[in-house]
């Protein structure tokens, strides 16, 4: 009889345990997810429109963070594509437009990965040293697998590649294409279109201004 009593208690415990485990699991808060647009870069180009780039936050986290930081600072706004080679790539990210400049932030340690440099891949430019990438990057026109393992690929164009193809060629180009605005999708900045005029607000005109003498 006593043995039967313990068997009944054991059965009740086994039946109730999964329910308690499930209840505890349901009460555990889910980890906060990163907004979908947080790892998407928009480049509004003077060559015609908006280029959308998916950033590889897991493959090159430090480089992605650098690009996002500079974009949110407005660093890339107005910068030209200073080195554009037909059949190869378009390079930008130098505020001096000479290919020798960068940001005031420290250089980055290389994050060379296995993602191939195919058409539309966005990769970090650097000097001779592997850990010398800073702010300059390039977009590949055609596959260049010889760059794999030598440059940090941190994203790829997902839309607007036609505007990349329209970037003016040259080193530097005579009439260079510019980044009108670089932004992160999560920030919901509207596109800046080529030829858009900046509206300058004028100070209100007072009665004294109207009665002021006119100087020839």
C-alpha atoms as a PDB file:
ATOM      1  CA  UNK A   1       0.000   0.000   0.000  1.00  0.00           C
ATOM      2  CA  UNK A   2       2.781   2.370   0.900  1.00  0.00           C
ATOM      3  CA  UNK A   3       4.565   1.548  -2.339  1.00  0.00           C
ATOM      4  CA  UNK A   4       1.410   2.285  -4.312  1.00  0.00           C
ATOM      5  CA  UNK A   5       1.136   5.644  -2.547  1.00  0.00           C
ATOM      6  CA  UNK A   6       4.663   6.669  -3.587  1.00  0.00           C
ATOM      7  CA  UNK A   7       4.034   5.581  -7.173  1.00  0.00           C
ATOM      8  CA  UNK A   8       0.977   7.824  -7.314  1.00  0.00           C
ATOM      9  CA  UNK A   9       2.958  10.777  -5.932  1.00  0.00           C
ATOM     10  CA  UNK A  10       5.735  10.190  -8.489  1.00  0.00           C
ATOM     11  CA  UNK A  11       3.236  10.122 -11.336  1.00  0.00           C
ATOM     12  CA  UNK A  12       1.652  13.370 -10.184  1.00  0.00           C
ATOM     13  CA  UNK A  13       5.088  15.036  -9.962  1.00  0.00           C
ATOM     14  CA  UNK A  14       6.048  13.957 -13.489  1.00  0.00           C
ATOM     15  CA  UNK A  15       2.760  15.201 -14.866  1.00  0.00           C
ATOM     16  CA  UNK A  16       2.975  18.588 -13.151  1.00  0.00           C
ATOM     17  CA  UNK A  17       6.703  19.253 -13.831  1.00  0.00           C
ATOM     18  CA  UNK A  18       6.405  19.930 -17.581  1.00  0.00           C
ATOM     19  CA  UNK A  19       3.575  22.360 -16.897  1.00  0.00           C
ATOM     20  CA  UNK A  20       5.700  24.280 -14.369  1.00  0.00           C
ATOM     21  CA  UNK A  21       8.684  24.213 -16.730  1.00  0.00           C
ATOM     22  CA  UNK A  22       6.561  25.566 -19.576  1.00  0.00           C
ATOM     23  CA  UNK A  23       5.130  28.277 -17.308  1.00  0.00           C
ATOM     24  CA  UNK A  24       8.651  29.340 -16.250  1.00  0.00           C
ATOM     25  CA  UNK A  25       9.758  29.395 -19.886  1.00  0.00           C
ATOM     26  CA  UNK A  26       6.807  31.574 -20.868  1.00  0.00           C
ATOM     27  CA  UNK A  27       7.605  33.995 -18.039  1.00  0.00           C
ATOM     28  CA  UNK A  28      11.244  34.388 -19.168  1.00  0.00           C
ATOM     29  CA  UNK A  29      11.504  37.654 -21.129  1.00  0.00           C
ATOM     30  CA  UNK A  30      12.726  37.325 -24.707  1.00  0.00           C
ATOM     31  CA  UNK A  31      16.009  39.069 -25.516  1.00  0.00           C
ATOM     32  CA  UNK A  32      15.661  42.490 -27.112  1.00  0.00           C
ATOM     33  CA  UNK A  33      15.968  42.241 -30.893  1.00  0.00           C
ATOM     34  CA  UNK A  34      17.794  44.711 -33.097  1.00  0.00           C
ATOM     35  CA  UNK A  35      15.425  46.747 -35.317  1.00  0.00           C
ATOM     36  CA  UNK A  36      15.446  45.506 -38.903  1.00  0.00           C
ATOM     37  CA  UNK A  37      16.624  48.858 -40.254  1.00  0.00           C
ATOM     38  CA  UNK A  38      19.521  49.201 -37.832  1.00  0.00           C
ATOM     39  CA  UNK A  39      21.867  47.295 -40.162  1.00  0.00           C
ATOM     40  CA  UNK A  40      20.748  48.855 -43.429  1.00  0.00           C
ATOM     41  CA  UNK A  41      22.681  51.776 -44.921  1.00  0.00           C
ATOM     42  CA  UNK A  42      21.169  54.214 -47.407  1.00  0.00           C
ATOM     43  CA  UNK A  43      23.352  56.246 -49.775  1.00  0.00           C
ATOM     44  CA  UNK A  44      21.559  59.004 -51.676  1.00  0.00           C
ATOM     45  CA  UNK A  45      23.776  59.639 -54.705  1.00  0.00           C
ATOM     46  CA  UNK A  46      23.969  62.571 -57.081  1.00  0.00           C
ATOM     47  CA  UNK A  47      23.997  59.974 -59.885  1.00  0.00           C
ATOM     48  CA  UNK A  48      20.262  59.527 -59.549  1.00  0.00           C
ATOM     49  CA  UNK A  49      18.809  58.001 -56.399  1.00  0.00           C
ATOM     50  CA  UNK A  50      19.015  55.910 -53.257  1.00  0.00           C
ATOM     51  CA  UNK A  51      21.304  52.911 -52.869  1.00  0.00           C
ATOM     52  CA  UNK A  52      20.366  50.421 -50.141  1.00  0.00           C
ATOM     53  CA  UNK A  53      23.116  48.343 -48.531  1.00  0.00           C
ATOM     54  CA  UNK A  54      22.660  45.400 -46.171  1.00  0.00           C
ATOM     55  CA  UNK A  55      25.376  45.600 -43.514  1.00  0.00           C
ATOM     56  CA  UNK A  56      27.112  42.401 -42.349  1.00  0.00           C
ATOM     57  CA  UNK A  57      26.975  43.058 -38.610  1.00  0.00           C
ATOM     58  CA  UNK A  58      27.967  39.483 -37.713  1.00  0.00           C
ATOM     59  CA  UNK A  59      30.849  39.212 -40.202  1.00  0.00           C
ATOM     60  CA  UNK A  60      32.438  42.623 -39.610  1.00  0.00           C
ATOM     61  CA  UNK A  61      30.872  44.119 -36.460  1.00  0.00           C
ATOM     62  CA  UNK A  62      33.529  46.781 -35.829  1.00  0.00           C
ATOM     63  CA  UNK A  63      33.542  48.023 -39.415  1.00  0.00           C
ATOM     64  CA  UNK A  64      29.735  48.111 -39.517  1.00  0.00           C
ATOM     65  CA  UNK A  65      29.677  50.082 -36.280  1.00  0.00           C
ATOM     66  CA  UNK A  66      32.196  52.563 -37.716  1.00  0.00           C
ATOM     67  CA  UNK A  67      30.137  53.102 -40.879  1.00  0.00           C
ATOM     68  CA  UNK A  68      26.967  53.599 -38.830  1.00  0.00           C
ATOM     69  CA  UNK A  69      28.696  56.035 -36.478  1.00  0.00           C
ATOM     70  CA  UNK A  70      30.095  58.168 -39.304  1.00  0.00           C
ATOM     71  CA  UNK A  71      26.822  58.089 -41.240  1.00  0.00           C
ATOM     72  CA  UNK A  72      24.914  59.335 -38.206  1.00  0.00           C
ATOM     73  CA  UNK A  73      27.485  62.087 -37.711  1.00  0.00           C
ATOM     74  CA  UNK A  74      26.878  63.295 -41.268  1.00  0.00           C
ATOM     75  CA  UNK A  75      30.515  62.555 -42.113  1.00  0.00           C
ATOM     76  CA  UNK A  76      29.774  61.139 -45.559  1.00  0.00           C
ATOM     77  CA  UNK A  77      27.309  63.822 -46.662  1.00  0.00           C
ATOM     78  CA  UNK A  78      28.740  65.697 -49.647  1.00  0.00           C
ATOM     79  CA  UNK A  79      31.818  63.468 -50.087  1.00  0.00           C
ATOM     80  CA  UNK A  80      32.773  62.535 -53.659  1.00  0.00           C
ATOM     81  CA  UNK A  81      33.682  59.205 -55.243  1.00  0.00           C
ATOM     82  CA  UNK A  82      37.328  60.100 -55.842  1.00  0.00           C
ATOM     83  CA  UNK A  83      38.539  56.853 -57.446  1.00  0.00           C
ATOM     84  CA  UNK A  84      36.239  55.086 -59.882  1.00  0.00           C
ATOM     85  CA  UNK A  85      37.669  52.427 -62.192  1.00  0.00           C
ATOM     86  CA  UNK A  86      35.566  50.944 -64.999  1.00  0.00           C
ATOM     87  CA  UNK A  87      35.039  47.216 -64.519  1.00  0.00           C
ATOM     88  CA  UNK A  88      36.400  47.331 -60.977  1.00  0.00           C
ATOM     89  CA  UNK A  89      34.977  49.586 -58.261  1.00  0.00           C
ATOM     90  CA  UNK A  90      33.930  53.039 -57.001  1.00  0.00           C
ATOM     91  CA  UNK A  91      35.736  54.367 -53.920  1.00  0.00           C
ATOM     92  CA  UNK A  92      34.612  57.124 -51.545  1.00  0.00           C
ATOM     93  CA  UNK A  93      34.740  58.152 -47.885  1.00  0.00           C
ATOM     94  CA  UNK A  94      37.607  60.673 -48.000  1.00  0.00           C
ATOM     95  CA  UNK A  95      36.555  64.218 -47.015  1.00  0.00           C
ATOM     96  CA  UNK A  96      39.606  65.651 -48.810  1.00  0.00           C
ATOM     97  CA  UNK A  97      38.693  63.932 -52.086  1.00  0.00           C
ATOM     98  CA  UNK A  98      42.317  62.930 -52.633  1.00  0.00           C
ATOM     99  CA  UNK A  99      42.314  59.358 -51.347  1.00  0.00           C
ATOM    100  CA  UNK A 100      44.636  60.187 -48.457  1.00  0.00           C
ATOM    101  CA  UNK A 101      42.134  61.442 -45.872  1.00  0.00           C
ATOM    102  CA  UNK A 102      39.925  59.845 -43.252  1.00  0.00           C
ATOM    103  CA  UNK A 103      38.021  60.496 -40.058  1.00  0.00           C
ATOM    104  CA  UNK A 104      39.384  61.538 -36.674  1.00  0.00           C
ATOM    105  CA  UNK A 105      38.549  58.095 -35.278  1.00  0.00           C
ATOM    106  CA  UNK A 106      41.300  55.480 -34.860  1.00  0.00           C
ATOM    107  CA  UNK A 107      42.013  52.951 -37.595  1.00  0.00           C
ATOM    108  CA  UNK A 108      40.272  49.589 -37.421  1.00  0.00           C
ATOM    109  CA  UNK A 109      41.666  46.126 -36.942  1.00  0.00           C
ATOM    110  CA  UNK A 110      41.002  43.980 -40.023  1.00  0.00           C
ATOM    111  CA  UNK A 111      37.951  41.706 -40.051  1.00  0.00           C
ATOM    112  CA  UNK A 112      38.756  39.710 -43.170  1.00  0.00           C
ATOM    113  CA  UNK A 113      35.995  37.174 -43.785  1.00  0.00           C
ATOM    114  CA  UNK A 114      34.993  34.566 -46.310  1.00  0.00           C
ATOM    115  CA  UNK A 115      32.274  36.598 -48.051  1.00  0.00           C
ATOM    116  CA  UNK A 116      33.393  36.927 -51.708  1.00  0.00           C
ATOM    117  CA  UNK A 117      33.871  40.269 -53.437  1.00  0.00           C
ATOM    118  CA  UNK A 118      31.063  39.817 -55.954  1.00  0.00           C
ATOM    119  CA  UNK A 119      29.110  42.527 -57.760  1.00  0.00           C
ATOM    120  CA  UNK A 120      27.567  44.996 -55.335  1.00  0.00           C
ATOM    121  CA  UNK A 121      29.747  44.084 -52.346  1.00  0.00           C
ATOM    122  CA  UNK A 122      30.824  47.033 -50.203  1.00  0.00           C
ATOM    123  CA  UNK A 123      34.304  46.698 -48.725  1.00  0.00           C
ATOM    124  CA  UNK A 124      36.635  48.825 -46.642  1.00  0.00           C
ATOM    125  CA  UNK A 125      39.553  50.560 -48.324  1.00  0.00           C
ATOM    126  CA  UNK A 126      42.885  50.617 -46.508  1.00  0.00           C
ATOM    127  CA  UNK A 127      46.521  51.587 -46.844  1.00  0.00           C
ATOM    128  CA  UNK A 128      49.355  49.052 -47.027  1.00  0.00           C
ATOM    129  CA  UNK A 129      48.867  47.864 -43.454  1.00  0.00           C
ATOM    130  CA  UNK A 130      46.066  45.372 -42.893  1.00  0.00           C
ATOM    131  CA  UNK A 131      44.780  47.280 -39.838  1.00  0.00           C
ATOM    132  CA  UNK A 132      44.636  50.695 -41.526  1.00  0.00           C
ATOM    133  CA  UNK A 133      40.973  50.954 -42.600  1.00  0.00           C
ATOM    134  CA  UNK A 134      39.280  54.081 -41.288  1.00  0.00           C
ATOM    135  CA  UNK A 135      36.426  55.695 -43.245  1.00  0.00           C
ATOM    136  CA  UNK A 136      36.996  55.002 -46.935  1.00  0.00           C
ATOM    137  CA  UNK A 137      35.105  52.211 -48.674  1.00  0.00           C
ATOM    138  CA  UNK A 138      34.421  50.965 -52.181  1.00  0.00           C
ATOM    139  CA  UNK A 139      31.568  49.298 -54.074  1.00  0.00           C
ATOM    140  CA  UNK A 140      32.496  46.514 -56.502  1.00  0.00           C
ATOM    141  CA  UNK A 141      31.142  46.731 -60.079  1.00  0.00           C
ATOM    142  CA  UNK A 142      32.149  43.207 -61.089  1.00  0.00           C
ATOM    143  CA  UNK A 143      33.449  40.161 -59.161  1.00  0.00           C
ATOM    144  CA  UNK A 144      37.002  40.587 -57.855  1.00  0.00           C
ATOM    145  CA  UNK A 145      37.736  37.451 -55.868  1.00  0.00           C
ATOM    146  CA  UNK A 146      41.398  38.374 -55.622  1.00  0.00           C
ATOM    147  CA  UNK A 147      40.356  40.845 -52.900  1.00  0.00           C
ATOM    148  CA  UNK A 148      38.957  38.081 -50.679  1.00  0.00           C
ATOM    149  CA  UNK A 149      40.843  37.740 -47.422  1.00  0.00           C
ATOM    150  CA  UNK A 150      42.682  41.009 -48.044  1.00  0.00           C
ATOM    151  CA  UNK A 151      39.928  43.586 -47.535  1.00  0.00           C
ATOM    152  CA  UNK A 152      37.026  43.656 -45.083  1.00  0.00           C
ATOM    153  CA  UNK A 153      33.684  43.179 -46.858  1.00  0.00           C
ATOM    154  CA  UNK A 154      31.034  44.700 -44.599  1.00  0.00           C
ATOM    155  CA  UNK A 155      27.912  44.869 -46.773  1.00  0.00           C
ATOM    156  CA  UNK A 156      26.262  44.392 -50.132  1.00  0.00           C
ATOM    157  CA  UNK A 157      23.950  46.510 -52.295  1.00  0.00           C
ATOM    158  CA  UNK A 158      20.408  45.137 -52.260  1.00  0.00           C
ATOM    159  CA  UNK A 159      18.765  47.847 -54.372  1.00  0.00           C
ATOM    160  CA  UNK A 160      19.781  50.888 -56.403  1.00  0.00           C
ATOM    161  CA  UNK A 161      22.782  49.263 -58.101  1.00  0.00           C
ATOM    162  CA  UNK A 162      21.856  51.183 -61.236  1.00  0.00           C
ATOM    163  CA  UNK A 163      22.849  54.388 -59.422  1.00  0.00           C
ATOM    164  CA  UNK A 164      26.190  52.818 -58.522  1.00  0.00           C
ATOM    165  CA  UNK A 165      26.725  51.896 -62.183  1.00  0.00           C
ATOM    166  CA  UNK A 166      26.061  55.552 -63.087  1.00  0.00           C
ATOM    167  CA  UNK A 167      28.868  56.897 -60.868  1.00  0.00           C
ATOM    168  CA  UNK A 168      31.293  59.008 -62.899  1.00  0.00           C
ATOM    169  CA  UNK A 169      34.566  57.260 -63.746  1.00  0.00           C
ATOM    170  CA  UNK A 170      38.001  58.743 -63.152  1.00  0.00           C
ATOM    171  CA  UNK A 171      40.863  59.114 -60.651  1.00  0.00           C
ATOM    172  CA  UNK A 172      39.476  61.601 -59.795  1.00  0.00           C
ATOM    173  CA  UNK A 173      36.529  62.114 -62.187  1.00  0.00           C
ATOM    174  CA  UNK A 174      36.183  65.467 -63.903  1.00  0.00           C
ATOM    175  CA  UNK A 175      32.622  65.773 -62.617  1.00  0.00           C
ATOM    176  CA  UNK A 176      32.580  63.463 -59.574  1.00  0.00           C
ATOM    177  CA  UNK A 177      29.484  61.805 -58.182  1.00  0.00           C
ATOM    178  CA  UNK A 178      28.704  62.711 -54.569  1.00  0.00           C
ATOM    179  CA  UNK A 179      27.033  61.101 -51.595  1.00  0.00           C
ATOM    180  CA  UNK A 180      24.256  63.598 -50.934  1.00  0.00           C
ATOM    181  CA  UNK A 181      23.264  61.811 -47.733  1.00  0.00           C
ATOM    182  CA  UNK A 182      24.283  58.654 -45.895  1.00  0.00           C
ATOM    183  CA  UNK A 183      21.773  57.391 -43.340  1.00  0.00           C
ATOM    184  CA  UNK A 184      20.711  54.323 -41.377  1.00  0.00           C
ATOM    185  CA  UNK A 185      17.289  52.954 -42.321  1.00  0.00           C
ATOM    186  CA  UNK A 186      16.177  52.777 -38.679  1.00  0.00           C
ATOM    187  CA  UNK A 187      16.485  56.591 -38.495  1.00  0.00           C
ATOM    188  CA  UNK A 188      13.844  57.004 -41.242  1.00  0.00           C
ATOM    189  CA  UNK A 189      15.515  59.896 -43.044  1.00  0.00           C
ATOM    190  CA  UNK A 190      13.768  60.787 -46.314  1.00  0.00           C
ATOM    191  CA  UNK A 191      15.813  60.506 -49.516  1.00  0.00           C
ATOM    192  CA  UNK A 192      17.789  63.518 -50.711  1.00  0.00           C
ATOM    193  CA  UNK A 193      17.275  63.791 -54.450  1.00  0.00           C
ATOM    194  CA  UNK A 194      19.799  65.182 -56.944  1.00  0.00           C
ATOM    195  CA  UNK A 195      19.275  68.881 -57.580  1.00  0.00           C
ATOM    196  CA  UNK A 196      17.272  69.362 -54.384  1.00  0.00           C
ATOM    197  CA  UNK A 197      17.610  72.894 -53.124  1.00  0.00           C
ATOM    198  CA  UNK A 198      18.256  73.708 -49.499  1.00  0.00           C
ATOM    199  CA  UNK A 199      15.581  76.065 -48.238  1.00  0.00           C
ATOM    200  CA  UNK A 200      17.105  78.924 -46.277  1.00  0.00           C
ATOM    201  CA  UNK A 201      14.700  80.618 -43.890  1.00  0.00           C
ATOM    202  CA  UNK A 202      14.770  84.394 -44.094  1.00  0.00           C
ATOM    203  CA  UNK A 203      14.556  86.729 -41.118  1.00  0.00           C
ATOM    204  CA  UNK A 204      11.220  88.581 -40.798  1.00  0.00           C
ATOM    205  CA  UNK A 205      11.114  92.102 -42.291  1.00  0.00           C
ATOM    206  CA  UNK A 206      10.254  94.841 -39.813  1.00  0.00           C
ATOM    207  CA  UNK A 207       8.723  98.297 -40.396  1.00  0.00           C
ATOM    208  CA  UNK A 208      12.141  99.856 -39.766  1.00  0.00           C
ATOM    209  CA  UNK A 209      13.591  97.694 -42.557  1.00  0.00           C
ATOM    210  CA  UNK A 210      10.922  98.955 -44.959  1.00  0.00           C
ATOM    211  CA  UNK A 211      11.585 102.602 -44.029  1.00  0.00           C
ATOM    212  CA  UNK A 212      15.354 102.295 -44.163  1.00  0.00           C
ATOM    213  CA  UNK A 213      17.096 104.435 -46.802  1.00  0.00           C
ATOM    214  CA  UNK A 214      18.146 102.671 -49.991  1.00  0.00           C
ATOM    215  CA  UNK A 215      21.874 102.795 -50.591  1.00  0.00           C
ATOM    216  CA  UNK A 216      22.872 102.860 -54.248  1.00  0.00           C
END
